[in-house]
Amino acid sequence: MGDRTTAIGVLIVDDHPVVRLGLRTMLESEENISVTGLAASAREALLEVQRVKPDVVLMDMRMPEMEGPEAIVELRRIQPDLRILVLTNYEEDEYVIRALQAGAMGYLLKSTPQEEIVRAVEMVHNNQRCIQPSIAKRLAETIGREELSQREIEVLTLVAMGLTNKEIAQRLFISDKTARNHVASCLLKLGANDRTEAVTKAIRRGLIRLSE
C-alpha cells in the first residue's frame, strides 16, 4: 500500500449499507485514497465531517432527513474547502443544476465504472469539475445557449485575473456563496469543466477582455 498520510481522505454518504460498503472496498483498494468515514444520512455526514475532516465527500443526492443540495450547502458551511462529488441514480437536469449551484464539484451516476469514479475523486480533490459526460453534454445543449449576465461577466473577469471566490466576493461586496454560485453558473453556461476552461472559452468568444 502507498503512503496513507498523503492519501485523499474520503467520507462516503449513502443510505444504503451495501452501497456504502461496496464503495469503501473499491476506494480502499486505491493507494492514494483513504476512506475516513461512512455516513447513512446527511445529518450523520455533518457530524462525521466535523470529526474526521475529509478532503472529499462522495454522496448520494437523495437521502432521508435532508435533500442533497441542502446537505451540500451545510457541509461546505462547516468545512468551506470541502470538495463534494455526487454519486447517484438521478440524472435529471434539475438535480444536477441544484447540486452544482449548492457547491458540488462533480456529478456521476452509480453506473459509472470504478476507474472513472476514482478519477473523479482525484479531479474534485484537485478542484476540477467532473460531470458525467452524457449529463454534461445535455446541460451544455440546454444551459449553454443562455447568455452570461453582466454580473457573471464581471465575476469571470475577476476569475481570469486569478482571484479566488472569497476575493471575488470581497471585491464585489457579495457573499462567498453568491460568488461561488456565479462561478458555477458561468461553468454551466459555457460548458466548461473548470475555471481555466471557462475563462479560455469566454476570451475566445469575446465575452471578457483582460486589458487591466
Foldseek 3Di string as FASTA:
>chain_A
DADAVQAAEEEEEAQDPVVQVVVQVLQVVDRRYHHQYYYNALVRVQVVCVVRVGQEYEYEQCHPPDGNLVSLLSSCVSPVNHAYEYEYQDLDPVSVLSNVLSPHQEYYYNVDDSVVVNVCSVQSSVVWRYYDVVSLVVLCVPLLVDDQDPVLLVLLLVVVVVDDLCRSCVVVVHDSSVSSSSQSSLCSNNSHGHSVRSSVSCVVVVSHDNPD
